[in-house]
Amino acid sequence: MGMAKFLFCSLDAALIGDVAWQVHREGHDVKYYIEAERDREIADGFVPKTDDWRGNVDWADVIVFDDIWIGDDVGTGEIARDLRAEGHAVVGGTPNTDRLEEDRGYAMEVLEENGVNTLEHRVFSDFQAGIRFVEEHPAPYVIKPLGEVQNVKRLLYVGRDGDGSDVVDVLRAYEKAWGHRMKGFQLQRRVEGVEVAVSGFFNGDEFVEPINLNFEHKKLFPGNIGPQTGEMGTSMFWTGKTRLYEETLGELEPWLATEGYVGSIDLNCIVNDSGVYPLEFTPRFGYPTITLQEEAFESGTGDFFYDLARGEDPELEVHQGYQIGVRVVLPPFPFDDEKTYDENSRNAAVVFETESREGIHIEDAKRVDGQWRAAGENGMPIVVTGKGETMQAARQQAYGRIDDVIMPNMYYRDDVGERWIDGDGDRLQAWGYLGPA
């Protein structure tokens, strides 16, 4: 294909800037729209902007939505569906695929109806009812908030006590602190095993190979300690349609085809020698997962999304080894504290000790007179990636690149990828999930 016109749309927080930058660097014509006023400077100096995405719909060859949210509500799936019905090529969901993330109970119903094994789970809209359930059925549980408040990632709580007493205490605290915002929550039985996400790109009819397996690092500190952040780093590799894929996303292919879904979809799971247990969907790009996936692309990013949005079978070539991505953050991430951000991080310079920018990706960053700076208000300016024939080689490359970055007060996890080296890979192999079904 020749050069195409891409319209990237962030109708809530600005998330897709790095992919837009990559497509722009490949020579395509790009316009990027950001709805949230506090985020509008993100990607300035990297990507051409527009303040009227609807006015550019007919201009675009491909329209890309980066999330399911429009402010406090889901909604990009409905917009994407309607635009496709008008004949536009769109990377985006549908109302039902948006619901997979927003309504965890519905997500479990879809999995069960399509033959995927699930953990015991219940959805509650009343805190006291949830507390009574745990007291009557003592066991370790995971608390997963529902609705818009689930984006406050630190509210996800993984129970530790065998009788669920810590979960009861946390629910009582949440009722006092968050009862006015948390419209409900899911309680899911906790199981032990390897946490792994199965991710694929869907073209409206079927999944495109290869399939991506990734390992999220959600806690703030090394050793999986501290508050939930959404994501501090990711390790990954690419495979064919393995047993792990066939028992998860593979079962959902007919349902997704009926929906006409186009884009990335990710199913995070706990896997052990007894089975595969899905935890949650990401029916959109993951962050910083898409940054790391895009780094692994050895074929054109723009070409890939152009073909994907048109329902074609893109020839996706990827790095055959391992990849890791590390989110490098600034205070007060993952918390909101305007004073701390203003004093320590706003407009912070990102300084590089070498001329190379290989493996350096933007998140909440802008470029002013050639200088990279922190942008927005979230404290997540960059993601640094590495690749290698082994996970250890990928780690060495990524952390070597971080050593060449200077930002006052920056912090990051230094253990991304270690879980694979320490045994997760051996366990998945021994249990037979990485081979054919």
Protein backbone atom coordinates (compact mmCIF):
# COMPACT_ATOMS: atom_id res chain seq x y z
CA MET A 1 0.00 0.00 0.00
CA GLY A 2 1.01 3.62 -0.36
CA MET A 3 0.80 6.30 2.27
CA ALA A 4 -2.55 6.46 4.12
CA LYS A 5 -4.39 8.97 6.32
CA PHE A 6 -4.82 7.98 9.96
CA LEU A 7 -7.06 9.68 12.52
CA PHE A 8 -6.22 8.68 16.11
CA CYS A 9 -8.87 9.49 18.72
CA SER A 10 -8.51 9.72 22.50
CA LEU A 11 -12.02 10.50 23.73
CA ASP A 12 -10.93 10.26 27.36
CA ALA A 13 -7.28 10.18 28.52
CA ALA A 14 -4.53 10.48 25.90
CA LEU A 15 -3.09 6.99 25.45
CA ILE A 16 -2.25 6.28 21.81
CA GLY A 17 0.40 8.94 21.18
CA ASP A 18 3.32 6.55 20.72
CA VAL A 19 1.56 4.46 18.08
CA ALA A 20 0.46 7.64 16.28
CA TRP A 21 4.09 8.84 16.38
CA GLN A 22 5.35 5.58 14.91
CA VAL A 23 2.78 5.66 12.08
CA HIS A 24 3.71 9.30 11.42
CA ARG A 25 7.43 8.41 11.28
CA GLU A 26 6.64 5.74 8.71
CA GLY A 27 5.47 8.52 6.39
CA HIS A 28 1.70 8.26 6.76
CA ASP A 29 -0.48 11.35 7.18
CA VAL A 30 -1.57 11.49 10.83
CA LYS A 31 -3.94 13.60 12.89
CA TYR A 32 -4.39 13.05 16.62
CA TYR A 33 -7.39 14.25 18.67
CA ILE A 34 -7.36 14.43 22.50
CA GLU A 35 -10.63 15.17 24.31
CA ALA A 36 -9.38 15.67 27.89
CA GLU A 37 -8.20 19.25 28.34
CA ARG A 38 -5.59 18.27 30.92
CA ASP A 39 -3.99 15.87 28.41
CA ARG A 40 -4.05 17.98 25.26
CA GLU A 41 -0.35 18.85 25.33
CA ILE A 42 0.61 15.16 25.32
CA ALA A 43 2.44 14.22 22.09
CA ASP A 44 2.86 17.88 21.10
CA GLY A 45 5.93 18.13 18.89
CA PHE A 46 5.72 14.43 18.02
CA VAL A 47 2.40 14.09 16.21
CA PRO A 48 0.20 16.53 14.22
CA LYS A 49 -2.99 17.35 16.14
CA THR A 50 -6.60 18.22 15.36
CA ASP A 51 -9.24 19.79 17.59
CA ASP A 52 -12.17 18.35 15.58
CA TRP A 53 -12.07 14.60 15.11
CA ARG A 54 -15.58 14.35 13.68
CA GLY A 55 -14.69 16.93 11.06
CA ASN A 56 -11.84 14.66 9.90
CA VAL A 57 -13.76 11.37 9.66
CA ASP A 58 -14.25 11.64 5.90
CA TRP A 59 -10.61 12.73 5.47
CA ALA A 60 -9.26 9.59 7.16
CA ASP A 61 -8.54 6.26 5.52
CA VAL A 62 -8.35 4.65 8.96
CA ILE A 63 -9.85 5.80 12.29
CA VAL A 64 -8.30 4.41 15.49
CA PHE A 65 -9.88 4.62 18.96
CA ASP A 66 -7.53 3.99 21.85
CA ASP A 67 -9.91 3.13 24.71
CA ILE A 68 -13.53 2.30 25.53
CA TRP A 69 -14.15 5.32 27.75
CA ILE A 70 -15.66 8.72 27.01
CA GLY A 71 -15.18 10.54 30.27
CA ASP A 72 -16.95 8.52 32.98
CA ASP A 73 -18.91 6.36 30.54
CA VAL A 74 -18.12 3.65 28.01
CA GLY A 75 -19.02 4.57 24.48
CA THR A 76 -16.32 4.37 21.82
CA GLY A 77 -17.56 0.92 20.80
CA GLU A 78 -20.91 2.36 19.78
CA ILE A 79 -19.21 5.12 17.80
CA ALA A 80 -16.87 2.64 16.09
CA ARG A 81 -19.76 0.33 15.20
CA ASP A 82 -21.76 3.18 13.69
CA LEU A 83 -18.79 4.47 11.69
CA ARG A 84 -18.16 0.99 10.28
CA ALA A 85 -21.82 0.80 9.29
CA GLU A 86 -21.29 4.04 7.33
CA GLY A 87 -18.41 2.43 5.43
CA HIS A 88 -15.40 3.74 7.37
CA ALA A 89 -12.39 1.59 8.23
CA VAL A 90 -12.15 1.65 12.02
CA VAL A 91 -9.99 0.06 14.69
CA GLY A 92 -12.35 -0.08 17.65
CA GLY A 93 -14.89 -2.13 19.53
CA THR A 94 -18.64 -2.53 19.78
CA PRO A 95 -21.07 -1.83 22.63
CA ASN A 96 -20.88 -5.47 23.73
CA THR A 97 -17.09 -5.68 23.62
CA ASP A 98 -16.87 -2.44 25.62
CA ARG A 99 -19.09 -4.12 28.18
CA LEU A 100 -16.55 -6.93 28.63
CA GLU A 101 -14.35 -4.48 30.54
CA GLU A 102 -17.01 -2.32 32.15
CA ASP A 103 -19.21 -5.17 33.42
CA ARG A 104 -17.15 -8.06 34.77
CA GLY A 105 -20.22 -10.21 35.41
CA TYR A 106 -21.22 -9.94 31.76
CA ALA A 107 -17.65 -10.82 30.73
CA MET A 108 -17.84 -14.07 32.72
CA GLU A 109 -21.22 -14.88 31.12
CA VAL A 110 -19.72 -14.45 27.64
CA LEU A 111 -16.81 -16.72 28.54
CA GLU A 112 -19.07 -19.41 29.96
CA GLU A 113 -21.48 -19.26 27.02
CA ASN A 114 -18.56 -19.80 24.65
CA GLY A 115 -17.12 -22.80 26.48
CA VAL A 116 -14.34 -21.12 28.47
CA ASN A 117 -13.75 -22.31 32.01
CA THR A 118 -14.20 -19.62 34.71
CA LEU A 119 -13.54 -19.22 38.39
CA GLU A 120 -16.33 -18.97 40.95
CA HIS A 121 -17.48 -15.35 40.94
CA ARG A 122 -20.34 -13.13 42.07
CA VAL A 123 -21.26 -9.52 41.37
CA PHE A 124 -22.61 -7.28 44.13
CA SER A 125 -24.13 -3.81 44.14
CA ASP A 126 -24.38 -3.73 47.93
CA PHE A 127 -21.35 -3.85 50.22
CA GLN A 128 -23.14 -5.52 53.10
CA ALA A 129 -24.38 -8.30 50.83
CA GLY A 130 -20.81 -8.92 49.70
CA ILE A 131 -19.57 -8.99 53.28
CA ARG A 132 -22.27 -11.50 54.29
CA PHE A 133 -21.33 -13.70 51.33
CA VAL A 134 -17.67 -13.87 52.35
CA GLU A 135 -18.57 -14.54 55.99
CA GLU A 136 -20.91 -17.37 54.92
CA HIS A 137 -18.46 -18.79 52.34
CA PRO A 138 -14.99 -18.23 53.87
CA ALA A 139 -12.22 -18.39 51.27
CA PRO A 140 -9.62 -16.10 49.68
CA TYR A 141 -11.21 -13.69 47.17
CA VAL A 142 -10.22 -10.92 44.79
CA ILE A 143 -12.20 -7.64 44.90
CA LYS A 144 -12.69 -6.10 41.46
CA PRO A 145 -14.54 -2.76 41.31
CA LEU A 146 -17.06 -2.24 38.54
CA GLY A 147 -17.76 0.74 36.31
CA GLU A 148 -15.68 3.88 35.90
CA VAL A 149 -14.05 3.56 39.32
CA GLN A 150 -12.28 0.37 38.18
CA ASN A 151 -9.81 2.70 36.46
CA VAL A 152 -8.55 3.56 39.95
CA LYS A 153 -6.34 0.48 39.75
CA ARG A 154 -5.22 0.56 43.35
CA LEU A 155 -8.76 -0.44 44.41
CA LEU A 156 -8.30 -3.96 43.05
CA TYR A 157 -7.52 -6.10 46.07
CA VAL A 158 -6.16 -9.65 46.09
CA GLY A 159 -7.11 -11.38 49.32
CA ARG A 160 -4.48 -13.16 51.38
CA ASP A 161 -6.37 -14.74 54.29
CA GLY A 162 -7.76 -18.21 53.80
CA ASP A 163 -11.02 -17.31 55.53
CA GLY A 164 -11.54 -14.05 53.62
CA SER A 165 -11.35 -11.91 56.78
CA ASP A 166 -9.04 -9.38 55.12
CA VAL A 167 -11.49 -9.07 52.22
CA VAL A 168 -14.27 -8.28 54.70
CA ASP A 169 -12.11 -5.54 56.27
CA VAL A 170 -11.29 -4.05 52.86
CA LEU A 171 -14.96 -4.06 51.76
CA ARG A 172 -15.92 -2.19 54.93
CA ALA A 173 -13.22 0.39 54.27
CA TYR A 174 -14.27 0.75 50.60
CA GLU A 175 -17.90 1.28 51.60
CA LYS A 176 -16.89 4.28 53.70
CA ALA A 177 -14.35 5.76 51.31
CA TRP A 178 -15.72 4.82 47.89
CA GLY A 179 -19.35 3.87 48.37
CA HIS A 180 -20.52 7.02 46.61
CA ARG A 181 -18.57 6.16 43.43
CA MET A 182 -18.28 2.38 43.31
CA LYS A 183 -21.50 1.17 41.69
CA GLY A 184 -20.62 -2.43 42.40
CA PHE A 185 -17.87 -4.99 42.61
CA GLN A 186 -17.09 -8.57 41.68
CA LEU A 187 -15.78 -11.13 44.13
CA GLN A 188 -13.72 -13.81 42.41
CA ARG A 189 -12.12 -16.82 44.05
CA ARG A 190 -8.36 -16.48 44.22
CA VAL A 191 -6.26 -19.28 42.77
CA GLU A 192 -2.53 -19.81 42.60
CA GLY A 193 -0.56 -20.25 39.39
CA VAL A 194 1.14 -18.35 36.58
CA GLU A 195 -0.51 -15.08 35.59
CA VAL A 196 -0.35 -14.68 31.80
CA ALA A 197 -2.36 -12.68 29.28
CA VAL A 198 -3.30 -14.02 25.85
CA SER A 199 -3.52 -11.17 23.35
CA GLY A 200 -4.49 -11.09 19.70
CA PHE A 201 -5.42 -8.70 16.91
CA PHE A 202 -8.88 -9.36 15.42
CA ASN A 203 -9.81 -8.17 11.92
CA GLY A 204 -13.59 -8.43 12.23
CA ASP A 205 -13.65 -12.09 11.18
CA GLU A 206 -10.73 -13.89 12.78
CA PHE A 207 -7.54 -13.54 14.77
CA VAL A 208 -4.37 -12.57 12.96
CA GLU A 209 -1.29 -14.66 13.69
CA PRO A 210 1.01 -14.58 15.53
CA ILE A 211 -0.59 -14.51 18.98
CA ASN A 212 0.99 -12.52 21.79
CA LEU A 213 1.59 -13.86 25.31
CA ASN A 214 2.43 -11.22 27.88
CA PHE A 215 3.12 -10.96 31.58
CA GLU A 216 1.96 -7.84 33.39
CA HIS A 217 3.70 -6.23 36.37
CA LYS A 218 0.94 -4.22 38.06
CA LYS A 219 2.31 -3.39 41.49
CA LEU A 220 4.44 -0.28 41.97
CA PHE A 221 7.52 -1.85 43.56
CA PRO A 222 9.86 -4.72 42.60
CA GLY A 223 8.81 -8.03 44.07
CA ASN A 224 5.16 -7.27 43.31
CA ILE A 225 4.80 -5.04 46.37
CA GLY A 226 2.83 -1.85 46.84
CA PRO A 227 -0.26 -0.26 45.30
CA GLN A 228 -1.81 -1.38 42.04
CA THR A 229 -0.76 0.95 39.21
CA GLY A 230 -2.48 -0.44 36.15
CA GLU A 231 0.92 -1.43 34.81
CA MET A 232 4.60 -0.80 35.58
CA GLY A 233 6.03 -3.05 32.93
CA THR A 234 5.40 -6.00 30.65
CA SER A 235 7.36 -8.93 29.29
CA MET A 236 6.19 -10.86 26.23
CA PHE A 237 6.80 -13.11 23.28
CA TRP A 238 4.84 -14.25 20.20
CA THR A 239 3.57 -17.72 19.34
CA GLY A 240 1.28 -19.62 17.04
CA LYS A 241 -2.16 -20.80 18.12
CA THR A 242 -1.10 -22.78 21.17
CA ARG A 243 -3.22 -24.72 23.62
CA LEU A 244 -3.35 -21.62 25.84
CA TYR A 245 -4.82 -19.60 22.97
CA GLU A 246 -7.25 -22.34 21.93
CA GLU A 247 -8.68 -22.62 25.45
CA THR A 248 -9.21 -18.86 25.78
CA LEU A 249 -9.38 -16.37 22.90
CA GLY A 250 -9.74 -19.15 20.34
CA GLU A 251 -13.10 -20.11 21.84
CA LEU A 252 -14.30 -16.51 21.45
CA GLU A 253 -13.47 -16.14 17.75
CA PRO A 254 -17.06 -16.84 16.53
CA TRP A 255 -18.53 -14.42 19.09
CA LEU A 256 -16.09 -11.66 18.16
CA ALA A 257 -16.82 -12.23 14.47
CA THR A 258 -20.55 -11.84 15.13
CA GLU A 259 -19.76 -8.57 16.90
CA GLY A 260 -17.52 -7.37 14.07
CA TYR A 261 -14.80 -6.43 16.53
CA VAL A 262 -11.62 -4.87 15.10
CA GLY A 263 -8.48 -4.33 17.13
CA SER A 264 -6.49 -5.78 20.01
CA ILE A 265 -8.14 -7.90 22.69
CA ASP A 266 -6.42 -9.33 25.72
CA LEU A 267 -7.57 -11.94 28.26
CA ASN A 268 -5.57 -12.08 31.47
CA CYS A 269 -5.57 -15.52 33.10
CA ILE A 270 -4.26 -17.59 35.98
CA VAL A 271 -2.88 -20.90 34.71
CA ASN A 272 -1.93 -23.96 36.73
CA ASP A 273 -1.70 -27.71 36.24
CA SER A 274 -5.47 -28.00 36.69
CA GLY A 275 -6.61 -25.52 34.06
CA VAL A 276 -6.82 -22.00 32.66
CA TYR A 277 -8.87 -19.45 34.60
CA PRO A 278 -9.63 -16.09 32.94
CA LEU A 279 -9.46 -13.03 35.19
CA GLU A 280 -10.37 -10.02 33.05
CA PHE A 281 -10.62 -8.67 29.52
CA THR A 282 -8.90 -5.71 27.93
CA PRO A 283 -11.05 -5.25 24.77
CA ARG A 284 -8.83 -2.46 23.44
CA PHE A 285 -5.14 -1.65 23.30
CA GLY A 286 -3.32 -2.29 26.56
CA TYR A 287 -0.86 0.26 27.92
CA PRO A 288 2.07 0.00 27.78
CA THR A 289 1.45 -3.39 26.10
CA ILE A 290 0.74 -1.89 22.67
CA THR A 291 3.98 0.10 22.89
CA LEU A 292 5.94 -3.08 23.43
CA GLN A 293 4.00 -4.96 20.75
CA GLU A 294 4.67 -2.16 18.28
CA GLU A 295 8.38 -2.27 19.17
CA ALA A 296 8.33 -5.97 18.24
CA PHE A 297 6.76 -5.31 14.83
CA GLU A 298 9.27 -5.86 12.05
CA SER A 299 6.67 -5.00 9.41
CA GLY A 300 5.06 -1.56 9.13
CA THR A 301 2.76 -0.49 11.97
CA GLY A 302 0.69 1.71 9.67
CA ASP A 303 0.39 -1.00 7.03
CA PHE A 304 -0.74 -3.46 9.69
CA PHE A 305 -3.54 -1.30 11.08
CA TYR A 306 -4.61 -0.24 7.58
CA ASP A 307 -5.14 -3.89 6.60
CA LEU A 308 -6.64 -4.86 9.96
CA ALA A 309 -9.27 -2.10 9.79
CA ARG A 310 -10.31 -3.31 6.33
CA GLY A 311 -10.88 -6.88 7.42
CA GLU A 312 -7.86 -8.17 5.55
CA ASP A 313 -5.22 -10.62 6.77
CA PRO A 314 -2.16 -8.48 7.50
CA GLU A 315 1.26 -10.04 7.11
CA LEU A 316 2.53 -9.30 10.59
CA GLU A 317 6.23 -9.94 11.05
CA VAL A 318 7.51 -9.75 14.62
CA HIS A 319 10.71 -10.21 16.57
CA GLN A 320 11.05 -13.92 17.28
CA GLY A 321 12.69 -13.67 20.68
CA TYR A 322 11.55 -11.95 23.86
CA GLN A 323 10.63 -8.36 24.65
CA ILE A 324 10.22 -6.30 27.82
CA GLY A 325 8.88 -2.80 28.38
CA VAL A 326 9.43 -0.71 31.51
CA ARG A 327 7.30 2.29 32.44
CA VAL A 328 9.51 5.11 33.79
CA VAL A 329 7.44 7.37 36.03
CA LEU A 330 7.55 10.51 38.14
CA PRO A 331 5.94 11.59 41.45
CA PRO A 332 3.20 11.24 42.55
CA PHE A 333 2.36 8.33 40.22
CA PRO A 334 0.18 6.29 40.71
CA PHE A 335 -1.59 8.82 42.92
CA ASP A 336 -3.21 12.17 42.14
CA ASP A 337 -1.60 15.04 44.01
CA GLU A 338 -1.45 18.27 42.03
CA LYS A 339 0.89 20.03 44.44
CA THR A 340 3.43 17.19 44.39
CA TYR A 341 3.23 16.97 40.61
CA ASP A 342 3.71 20.72 40.20
CA GLU A 343 6.72 20.78 42.53
CA ASN A 344 8.49 17.68 41.24
CA SER A 345 7.35 16.65 37.79
CA ARG A 346 5.47 19.17 35.68
CA ASN A 347 7.45 19.94 32.50
CA ALA A 348 10.33 17.81 33.80
CA ALA A 349 13.08 17.43 31.21
CA VAL A 350 13.85 13.98 29.81
CA VAL A 351 17.60 14.00 29.21
CA PHE A 352 19.46 11.38 27.18
CA GLU A 353 23.15 10.61 27.59
CA THR A 354 23.41 9.23 24.03
CA GLU A 355 22.06 10.29 20.65
CA SER A 356 20.17 7.02 20.24
CA ARG A 357 16.42 6.91 20.88
CA GLU A 358 16.12 3.21 20.09
CA GLY A 359 13.59 1.58 22.39
CA ILE A 360 12.42 4.91 23.87
CA HIS A 361 8.67 5.44 23.58
CA ILE A 362 6.47 8.34 24.61
CA GLU A 363 3.51 8.18 26.95
CA ASP A 364 2.83 11.46 28.74
CA ALA A 365 5.52 13.42 26.93
CA LYS A 366 5.86 16.40 24.61
CA ARG A 367 8.72 17.88 22.60
CA VAL A 368 9.46 21.59 22.89
CA ASP A 369 12.28 23.07 20.78
CA GLY A 370 13.77 19.58 20.48
CA GLN A 371 13.65 18.93 24.24
CA TRP A 372 11.56 16.03 25.54
CA ARG A 373 9.47 16.98 28.56
CA ALA A 374 6.84 15.43 30.82
CA ALA A 375 3.33 16.40 29.76
CA GLY A 376 -0.17 16.05 31.16
CA GLU A 377 -0.68 15.33 34.83
CA ASN A 378 -0.17 11.59 35.26
CA GLY A 379 3.60 11.29 35.65
CA MET A 380 4.18 8.61 33.00
CA PRO A 381 6.46 10.29 30.46
CA ILE A 382 8.18 7.33 28.76
CA VAL A 383 8.34 3.57 28.28
CA VAL A 384 11.70 1.93 27.59
CA THR A 385 11.84 -1.38 25.75
CA GLY A 386 14.34 -4.11 25.01
CA LYS A 387 14.49 -7.21 22.80
CA GLY A 388 16.65 -10.32 22.82
CA GLU A 389 16.91 -13.99 21.98
CA THR A 390 16.39 -14.71 25.68
CA MET A 391 14.38 -12.88 28.33
CA GLN A 392 17.62 -12.04 30.12
CA ALA A 393 19.04 -10.45 26.96
CA ALA A 394 15.87 -8.38 26.56
CA ARG A 395 16.19 -7.24 30.17
CA GLN A 396 19.81 -6.23 29.72
CA GLN A 397 19.00 -4.14 26.67
CA ALA A 398 16.04 -2.37 28.25
CA TYR A 399 17.75 -1.56 31.54
CA GLY A 400 20.90 -0.51 29.71
CA ARG A 401 18.78 2.02 27.81
CA ILE A 402 17.21 3.26 31.06
CA ASP A 403 20.71 3.88 32.40
CA ASP A 404 21.11 6.45 29.60
CA VAL A 405 17.98 8.40 30.68
CA ILE A 406 18.11 11.18 33.24
CA MET A 407 14.99 12.58 34.91
CA PRO A 408 15.12 13.94 38.44
CA ASN A 409 12.95 11.83 40.77
CA MET A 410 12.25 9.11 38.18
CA TYR A 411 11.52 5.58 39.35
CA TYR A 412 10.69 2.22 37.78
CA ARG A 413 10.59 -1.50 38.50
CA ASP A 414 13.90 -3.26 37.94
CA ASP A 415 12.48 -6.81 37.91
CA VAL A 416 10.40 -6.87 34.73
CA GLY A 417 10.88 -10.24 33.05
CA GLU A 418 12.34 -11.99 36.09
CA ARG A 419 9.19 -14.05 36.73
CA TRP A 420 9.71 -15.81 33.39
CA ILE A 421 13.35 -16.53 34.19
CA ASP A 422 12.54 -17.65 37.73
CA GLY A 423 10.17 -20.39 36.64
CA ASP A 424 6.98 -19.14 34.98
CA GLY A 425 8.24 -20.24 31.58
CA ASP A 426 9.24 -23.68 32.84
CA ARG A 427 5.85 -24.19 34.47
CA LEU A 428 3.86 -23.20 31.38
CA GLN A 429 5.99 -25.54 29.28
CA ALA A 430 5.68 -28.41 31.76
CA TRP A 431 1.90 -28.04 31.94
CA GLY A 432 1.68 -28.17 28.13
CA TYR A 433 0.15 -24.74 27.44
CA LEU A 434 2.77 -23.48 25.01
CA GLY A 435 2.44 -26.33 22.56
CA PRO A 436 -0.37 -27.17 20.13
CA ALA A 437 -3.84 -27.89 21.50
